[in-house]
PDB file of N, CA and C in Angstrom:
ATOM      1  N   MET A   1      74.165  24.189 107.805  1.00  0.00           N
ATOM      2  CA  MET A   1      73.551  22.529 107.324  1.00  0.00           C
ATOM      3  C   MET A   1      71.977  22.176 108.125  1.00  0.00           C
ATOM      4  N   LYS A   2      72.520  22.148 109.237  1.00  0.00           N
ATOM      5  CA  LYS A   2      70.819  21.608 110.036  1.00  0.00           C
ATOM      6  C   LYS A   2      70.215  23.047 110.148  1.00  0.00           C
ATOM      7  N   ILE A   3      70.658  24.049 110.290  1.00  0.00           N
ATOM      8  CA  ILE A   3      69.614  25.183 109.689  1.00  0.00           C
ATOM      9  C   ILE A   3      68.677  24.815 108.322  1.00  0.00           C
ATOM     10  N   LYS A   4      69.219  24.257 107.108  1.00  0.00           N
ATOM     11  CA  LYS A   4      68.605  24.650 106.377  1.00  0.00           C
ATOM     12  C   LYS A   4      67.685  23.093 106.460  1.00  0.00           C
ATOM     13  N   ALA A   5      68.223  22.186 106.972  1.00  0.00           N
ATOM     14  CA  ALA A   5      67.387  20.695 106.964  1.00  0.00           C
ATOM     15  C   ALA A   5      66.263  21.505 108.102  1.00  0.00           C
ATOM     16  N   THR A   6      66.198  21.535 109.045  1.00  0.00           N
ATOM     17  CA  THR A   6      65.198  22.096 109.912  1.00  0.00           C
ATOM     18  C   THR A   6      63.624  23.160 108.997  1.00  0.00           C
ATOM     19  N   ALA A   7      64.665  23.936 108.598  1.00  0.00           N
ATOM     20  CA  ALA A   7      63.777  25.077 107.405  1.00  0.00           C
ATOM     21  C   ALA A   7      63.016  24.121 106.478  1.00  0.00           C
ATOM     22  N   LEU A   8      63.697  23.226 105.954  1.00  0.00           N
ATOM     23  CA  LEU A   8      63.233  22.811 105.018  1.00  0.00           C
ATOM     24  C   LEU A   8      61.916  21.574 106.024  1.00  0.00           C
ATOM     25  N   LEU A   9      62.055  20.880 107.003  1.00  0.00           N
ATOM     26  CA  LEU A   9      61.099  19.890 107.284  1.00  0.00           C
ATOM     27  C   LEU A   9      59.979  21.021 107.890  1.00  0.00           C
ATOM     28  N   ILE A  10      60.450  22.452 108.240  1.00  0.00           N
ATOM     29  CA  ILE A  10      58.950  23.300 109.231  1.00  0.00           C
ATOM     30  C   ILE A  10      58.376  24.004 107.540  1.00  0.00           C
ATOM     31  N   THR A  11      58.964  24.315 107.062  1.00  0.00           N
ATOM     32  CA  THR A  11      58.258  24.594 105.611  1.00  0.00           C
ATOM     33  C   THR A  11      57.617  23.109 105.073  1.00  0.00           C
ATOM     34  N   SER A  12      57.642  22.126 104.961  1.00  0.00           N
ATOM     35  CA  SER A  12      57.176  21.138 104.415  1.00  0.00           C
ATOM     36  C   SER A  12      55.951  20.762 105.327  1.00  0.00           C
ATOM     37  N   LEU A  13      56.208  21.020 106.798  1.00  0.00           N
ATOM     38  CA  LEU A  13      55.129  21.228 107.619  1.00  0.00           C
ATOM     39  C   LEU A  13      53.957  21.616 107.168  1.00  0.00           C
ATOM     40  N   LEU A  14      54.622  23.334 107.139  1.00  0.00           N
ATOM     41  CA  LEU A  14      53.197  24.290 107.003  1.00  0.00           C
ATOM     42  C   LEU A  14      53.045  23.960 105.365  1.00  0.00           C
ATOM     43  N   VAL A  15      53.652  23.283 104.585  1.00  0.00           N
ATOM     44  CA  VAL A  15      52.644  22.713 103.352  1.00  0.00           C
ATOM     45  C   VAL A  15      51.586  21.619 103.997  1.00  0.00           C
ATOM     46  N   LEU A  16      51.793  21.157 104.134  1.00  0.00           N
ATOM     47  CA  LEU A  16      51.102  19.573 104.817  1.00  0.00           C
ATOM     48  C   LEU A  16      50.324  20.471 105.181  1.00  0.00           C
ATOM     49  N   ALA A  17      50.501  20.957 106.788  1.00  0.00           N
ATOM     50  CA  ALA A  17      49.004  21.783 107.123  1.00  0.00           C
ATOM     51  C   ALA A  17      48.286  22.351 106.349  1.00  0.00           C
ATOM     52  N   GLY A  18      48.843  23.234 105.444  1.00  0.00           N
ATOM     53  CA  GLY A  18      47.887  24.245 104.380  1.00  0.00           C
ATOM     54  C   GLY A  18      47.124  23.492 103.282  1.00  0.00           C
ATOM     55  N   CYS A  19      47.584  21.418 103.505  1.00  0.00           N
ATOM     56  CA  CYS A  19      46.929  21.164 102.086  1.00  0.00           C
ATOM     57  C   CYS A  19      45.533  20.671 103.216  1.00  0.00           C
ATOM     58  N   ASP A  20      46.008  20.138 104.423  1.00  0.00           N
ATOM     59  CA  ASP A  20      45.103  19.634 105.105  1.00  0.00           C
ATOM     60  C   ASP A  20      43.811  20.570 105.260  1.00  0.00           C
ATOM     61  N   GLN A  21      44.384  22.118 105.685  1.00  0.00           N
ATOM     62  CA  GLN A  21      43.024  22.986 105.857  1.00  0.00           C
ATOM     63  C   GLN A  21      41.789  23.278 104.238  1.00  0.00           C
ATOM     64  N   ALA A  22      43.347  23.063 103.161  1.00  0.00           N
ATOM     65  CA  ALA A  22      42.886  23.255 101.509  1.00  0.00           C
ATOM     66  C   ALA A  22      41.550  22.011 101.597  1.00  0.00           C
ATOM     67  N   GLU A  23      42.404  20.855 102.157  1.00  0.00           N
ATOM     68  CA  GLU A  23      41.106  20.126 102.048  1.00  0.00           C
ATOM     69  C   GLU A  23      39.760  19.209 102.635  1.00  0.00           C
ATOM     70  N   GLN A  24      40.169  20.181 103.612  1.00  0.00           N
ATOM     71  CA  GLN A  24      38.617  20.915 105.050  1.00  0.00           C
ATOM     72  C   GLN A  24      37.870  21.606 103.926  1.00  0.00           C
ATOM     73  N   SER A  25      38.417  22.434 103.528  1.00  0.00           N
ATOM     74  CA  SER A  25      37.466  23.552 103.090  1.00  0.00           C
ATOM     75  C   SER A  25      36.814  22.854 101.785  1.00  0.00           C
ATOM     76  N   ALA A  26      37.619  22.358 101.287  1.00  0.00           N
ATOM     77  CA  ALA A  26      36.971  21.291  99.698  1.00  0.00           C
ATOM     78  C   ALA A  26      35.985  20.991 100.402  1.00  0.00           C
ATOM     79  N   GLN A  27      36.486  19.806 101.251  1.00  0.00           N
ATOM     80  CA  GLN A  27      35.299  18.976 102.010  1.00  0.00           C
ATOM     81  C   GLN A  27      33.769  19.557 102.072  1.00  0.00           C
ATOM     82  N   GLN A  28      34.156  20.834 103.102  1.00  0.00           N
ATOM     83  CA  GLN A  28      33.144  21.546 103.255  1.00  0.00           C
ATOM     84  C   GLN A  28      31.938  22.259 102.405  1.00  0.00           C
ATOM     85  N   LEU A  29      33.080  23.229 101.052  1.00  0.00           N
ATOM     86  CA  LEU A  29      32.642  23.314  99.840  1.00  0.00           C
ATOM     87  C   LEU A  29      31.570  22.300  99.107  1.00  0.00           C
ATOM     88  N   MET A  30      31.987  21.109  99.032  1.00  0.00           N
ATOM     89  CA  MET A  30      31.406  19.754  98.689  1.00  0.00           C
ATOM     90  C   MET A  30      30.149  19.592  99.446  1.00  0.00           C
ATOM     91  N   GLY A  31      30.788  19.357 100.692  1.00  0.00           N
ATOM     92  CA  GLY A  31      28.846  18.856 100.712  1.00  0.00           C
ATOM     93  C   GLY A  31      27.948  20.177 101.346  1.00  0.00           C
ATOM     94  N   LYS A  32      27.946  21.660 101.307  1.00  0.00           N
ATOM     95  CA  LYS A  32      27.266  22.616 100.738  1.00  0.00           C
ATOM     96  C   LYS A  32      26.412  22.723  99.050  1.00  0.00           C
ATOM     97  N   ALA A  33      27.234  21.921  98.364  1.00  0.00           N
ATOM     98  CA  ALA A  33      27.157  22.294  96.857  1.00  0.00           C
ATOM     99  C   ALA A  33      26.043  21.026  97.156  1.00  0.00           C
ATOM    100  N   ALA A  34      26.262  19.939  97.577  1.00  0.00           N
ATOM    101  CA  ALA A  34      25.843  19.024  97.531  1.00  0.00           C
ATOM    102  C   ALA A  34      23.972  18.928  97.895  1.00  0.00           C
ATOM    103  N   GLU A  35      24.192  19.784  99.248  1.00  0.00           N
ATOM    104  CA  GLU A  35      22.785  19.589  99.771  1.00  0.00           C
ATOM    105  C   GLU A  35      22.362  20.816  99.359  1.00  0.00           C
ATOM    106  N   SER A  36      23.087  21.681  98.349  1.00  0.00           N
ATOM    107  CA  SER A  36      21.903  22.692  97.619  1.00  0.00           C
ATOM    108  C   SER A  36      21.773  21.786  96.690  1.00  0.00           C
ATOM    109  N   ALA A  37      22.817  21.144  95.544  1.00  0.00           N
ATOM    110  CA  ALA A  37      21.788  20.229  94.707  1.00  0.00           C
ATOM    111  C   ALA A  37      20.238  19.295  95.287  1.00  0.00           C
ATOM    112  N   LYS A  38      20.553  18.552  96.175  1.00  0.00           N
ATOM    113  CA  LYS A  38      19.699  18.102  96.553  1.00  0.00           C
ATOM    114  C   LYS A  38      18.791  18.511  97.296  1.00  0.00           C
ATOM    115  N   GLN A  39      18.114  20.067  97.664  1.00  0.00           N
ATOM    116  CA  GLN A  39      17.166  21.326  98.052  1.00  0.00           C
ATOM    117  C   GLN A  39      16.423  21.236  96.413  1.00  0.00           C
ATOM    118  N   ALA A  40      17.772  21.820  95.662  1.00  0.00           N
ATOM    119  CA  ALA A  40      17.346  21.820  94.314  1.00  0.00           C
ATOM    120  C   ALA A  40      16.369  20.292  93.480  1.00  0.00           C
ATOM    121  N   ILE A  41      16.921  19.549  94.000  1.00  0.00           N
ATOM    122  CA  ILE A  41      16.179  18.350  92.769  1.00  0.00           C
ATOM    123  C   ILE A  41      14.834  17.912  93.875  1.00  0.00           C
ATOM    124  N   ASP A  42      14.609  18.214  95.466  1.00  0.00           N
ATOM    125  CA  ASP A  42      13.848  17.733  96.041  1.00  0.00           C
ATOM    126  C   ASP A  42      12.485  19.061  95.456  1.00  0.00           C
ATOM    127  N   ASP A  43      13.037  20.865  94.879  1.00  0.00           N
ATOM    128  CA  ASP A  43      11.990  21.896  94.732  1.00  0.00           C
ATOM    129  C   ASP A  43      11.632  21.444  93.634  1.00  0.00           C
ATOM    130  N   THR A  44      12.595  20.744  92.584  1.00  0.00           N
ATOM    131  CA  THR A  44      12.011  19.957  91.292  1.00  0.00           C
ATOM    132  C   THR A  44      10.732  19.395  91.448  1.00  0.00           C
ATOM    133  N   HIS A  45      11.458  18.253  92.298  1.00  0.00           N
ATOM    134  CA  HIS A  45      10.295  16.901  92.334  1.00  0.00           C
ATOM    135  C   HIS A  45       9.179  17.349  92.783  1.00  0.00           C
ATOM    136  N   LYS A  46       9.067  18.496  93.296  1.00  0.00           N
ATOM    137  CA  LYS A  46       7.704  18.652  94.531  1.00  0.00           C
ATOM    138  C   LYS A  46       6.863  19.332  93.738  1.00  0.00           C
ATOM    139  N   ALA A  47       7.587  20.803  92.524  1.00  0.00           N
ATOM    140  CA  ALA A  47       6.357  21.392  91.204  1.00  0.00           C
ATOM    141  C   ALA A  47       6.099  19.985  90.251  1.00  0.00           C
ATOM    142  N   ALA A  48       6.976  19.193  90.140  1.00  0.00           N
ATOM    143  CA  ALA A  48       6.399  18.282  88.969  1.00  0.00           C
ATOM    144  C   ALA A  48       5.196  17.197  89.800  1.00  0.00           C
ATOM    145  N   GLU A  49       5.419  16.787  91.118  1.00  0.00           N
ATOM    146  CA  GLU A  49       4.422  16.336  91.544  1.00  0.00           C
ATOM    147  C   GLU A  49       3.040  16.965  91.412  1.00  0.00           C
ATOM    148  N   GLN A  50       3.353  18.542  91.575  1.00  0.00           N
ATOM    149  CA  GLN A  50       1.802  19.372  91.876  1.00  0.00           C
ATOM    150  C   GLN A  50       1.859  19.376  89.923  1.00  0.00           C
ATOM    151  N   ALA A  51       2.788  19.509  89.052  1.00  0.00           N
ATOM    152  CA  ALA A  51       2.033  20.468  88.020  1.00  0.00           C
ATOM    153  C   ALA A  51       1.272  18.754  87.330  1.00  0.00           C
ATOM    154  N   LEU A  52       1.745  17.464  87.936  1.00  0.00           N
ATOM    155  CA  LEU A  52       0.780  16.618  87.087  1.00  0.00           C
ATOM    156  C   LEU A  52      -0.280  16.420  87.923  1.00  0.00           C
ATOM    157  N   ASN A  53      -0.628  16.663  89.279  1.00  0.00           N
ATOM    158  CA  ASN A  53      -1.816  16.670  90.065  1.00  0.00           C
ATOM    159  C   ASN A  53      -2.663  17.429  90.164  1.00  0.00           C
ATOM    160  N   ASP A  54      -2.074  18.834  89.180  1.00  0.00           N
ATOM    161  CA  ASP A  54      -3.150  19.584  88.442  1.00  0.00           C
ATOM    162  C   ASP A  54      -3.669  18.934  87.085  1.00  0.00           C
ATOM    163  N   ALA A  55      -2.670  18.696  86.114  1.00  0.00           N
ATOM    164  CA  ALA A  55      -3.107  18.236  84.953  1.00  0.00           C
ATOM    165  C   ALA A  55      -4.000  17.151  85.190  1.00  0.00           C
ATOM    166  N   THR A  56      -3.524  16.154  86.105  1.00  0.00           N
ATOM    167  CA  THR A  56      -4.394  14.966  86.008  1.00  0.00           C
ATOM    168  C   THR A  56      -5.885  15.436  86.664  1.00  0.00           C
ATOM    169  N   SER A  57      -6.055  16.340  87.959  1.00  0.00           N
ATOM    170  CA  SER A  57      -7.352  16.001  88.165  1.00  0.00           C
ATOM    171  C   SER A  57      -8.077  17.171  87.276  1.00  0.00           C
ATOM    172  N   GLY A  58      -7.651  17.519  86.571  1.00  0.00           N
ATOM    173  CA  GLY A  58      -8.207  18.340  85.384  1.00  0.00           C
ATOM    174  C   GLY A  58      -8.783  17.566  84.301  1.00  0.00           C
ATOM    175  N   LEU A  59      -7.949  16.546  84.364  1.00  0.00           N
ATOM    176  CA  LEU A  59      -8.512  15.041  83.193  1.00  0.00           C
ATOM    177  C   LEU A  59      -9.751  14.486  84.152  1.00  0.00           C
ATOM    178  N   ILE A  60      -9.472  13.882  85.130  1.00  0.00           N
ATOM    179  CA  ILE A  60     -10.301  13.524  85.969  1.00  0.00           C
ATOM    180  C   ILE A  60     -11.947  14.122  86.771  1.00  0.00           C
ATOM    181  N   SER A  61     -12.039  15.826  86.272  1.00  0.00           N
ATOM    182  CA  SER A  61     -13.092  16.188  86.369  1.00  0.00           C
ATOM    183  C   SER A  61     -13.567  15.909  84.883  1.00  0.00           C
ATOM    184  N   LYS A  62     -12.706  15.897  83.842  1.00  0.00           N
ATOM    185  CA  LYS A  62     -13.240  16.354  82.860  1.00  0.00           C
ATOM    186  C   LYS A  62     -14.473  15.028  82.321  1.00  0.00           C
ATOM    187  N   LYS A  63     -13.383  13.862  82.790  1.00  0.00           N
ATOM    188  CA  LYS A  63     -14.037  12.337  82.689  1.00  0.00           C
ATOM    189  C   LYS A  63     -15.000  12.169  83.821  1.00  0.00           C
ATOM    190  N   GLU A  64     -15.404  12.905  84.718  1.00  0.00           N
ATOM    191  CA  GLU A  64     -16.548  12.649  85.385  1.00  0.00           C
ATOM    192  C   GLU A  64     -17.430  13.220  85.102  1.00  0.00           C
ATOM    193  N   SER A  65     -17.810  14.520  84.232  1.00  0.00           N
ATOM    194  CA  SER A  65     -18.987  15.500  83.536  1.00  0.00           C
ATOM    195  C   SER A  65     -19.546  14.342  83.125  1.00  0.00           C
ATOM    196  N   PRO A  66     -18.553  13.764  81.717  1.00  0.00           N
ATOM    197  CA  PRO A  66     -19.828  12.126  80.707  1.00  0.00           C
ATOM    198  C   PRO A  66     -20.511  11.263  81.778  1.00  0.00           C
ATOM    199  N   GLU A  67     -19.824  10.918  82.754  1.00  0.00           N
ATOM    200  CA  GLU A  67     -20.355  10.142  83.462  1.00  0.00           C
ATOM    201  C   GLU A  67     -21.555  10.741  84.396  1.00  0.00           C
ATOM    202  N   LYS A  68     -21.533  11.800  84.464  1.00  0.00           N
ATOM    203  CA  LYS A  68     -22.329  12.249  85.424  1.00  0.00           C
ATOM    204  C   LYS A  68     -23.895  12.786  84.391  1.00  0.00           C
ATOM    205  N   GLU A  69     -23.125  13.178  83.162  1.00  0.00           N
ATOM    206  CA  GLU A  69     -24.303  13.463  82.198  1.00  0.00           C
ATOM    207  C   GLU A  69     -25.208  11.720  82.054  1.00  0.00           C
ATOM    208  N   SER A  70     -24.728  11.289  81.875  1.00  0.00           N
ATOM    209  CA  SER A  70     -24.892   9.426  81.113  1.00  0.00           C
ATOM    210  C   SER A  70     -26.025   9.247  82.769  1.00  0.00           C
ATOM    211  N   GLU A  71     -25.282   9.435  84.426  1.00  0.00           N
ATOM    212  CA  GLU A  71     -26.361   9.170  84.810  1.00  0.00           C
ATOM    213  C   GLU A  71     -27.663   9.921  84.986  1.00  0.00           C
ATOM    214  N   LYS A  72     -27.189  11.316  84.538  1.00  0.00           N
ATOM    215  CA  LYS A  72     -28.701  11.890  84.611  1.00  0.00           C
ATOM    216  C   LYS A  72     -29.475  11.313  83.598  1.00  0.00           C
ATOM    217  N   THR A  73     -28.980  11.228  82.323  1.00  0.00           N
ATOM    218  CA  THR A  73     -29.744  10.585  81.716  1.00  0.00           C
ATOM    219  C   THR A  73     -30.553   9.359  81.974  1.00  0.00           C
ATOM    220  N   GLU A  74     -29.548   8.013  82.410  1.00  0.00           N
ATOM    221  CA  GLU A  74     -30.239   6.624  82.757  1.00  0.00           C
ATOM    222  C   GLU A  74     -31.446   6.989  83.434  1.00  0.00           C
ATOM    223  N   SER A  75     -31.087   8.187  84.702  1.00  0.00           N
ATOM    224  CA  SER A  75     -32.041   8.378  85.702  1.00  0.00           C
ATOM    225  C   SER A  75     -33.111   8.816  85.131  1.00  0.00           C
ATOM    226  N   SER A  76     -33.380  10.033  84.406  1.00  0.00           N
ATOM    227  CA  SER A  76     -34.295  10.439  83.611  1.00  0.00           C
ATOM    228  C   SER A  76     -34.734   9.143  82.748  1.00  0.00           C
ATOM    229  N   SER A  77     -34.376   8.026  82.100  1.00  0.00           N
ATOM    230  CA  SER A  77     -35.198   7.365  81.576  1.00  0.00           C
ATOM    231  C   SER A  77     -35.462   6.453  82.384  1.00  0.00           C
ATOM    232  N   GLN A  78     -35.264   5.962  83.835  1.00  0.00           N
ATOM    233  CA  GLN A  78     -36.176   5.144  84.695  1.00  0.00           C
ATOM    234  C   GLN A  78     -37.081   5.565  85.005  1.00  0.00           C
ATOM    235  N   GLU A  79     -37.392   7.263  85.288  1.00  0.00           N
ATOM    236  CA  GLU A  79     -37.988   7.851  85.733  1.00  0.00           C
ATOM    237  C   GLU A  79     -39.598   7.583  84.470  1.00  0.00           C
ATOM    238  N   ILE A  80     -39.339   7.848  83.490  1.00  0.00           N
ATOM    239  CA  ILE A  80     -40.559   7.483  82.452  1.00  0.00           C
ATOM    240  C   ILE A  80     -40.338   5.892  82.437  1.00  0.00           C
TER     241      ILE A  80
END
């Protein structure tokens, strides 16, 4: 009877130790997954900022062209 009780206690301890190890492994995997997700979000954010910058700089240069033309027109009329 003592042998069975001892075997049961040892088995229980092994199971608990296995659960702790599994929990630690799961935490490590979750940490790596979170880091990968954060990196993906950062990369997406940078790409979106670059696309927005490219799009707005294109609009700004288009807006500058008519202003420059109106400045040229004004300067021409001042010369006359």
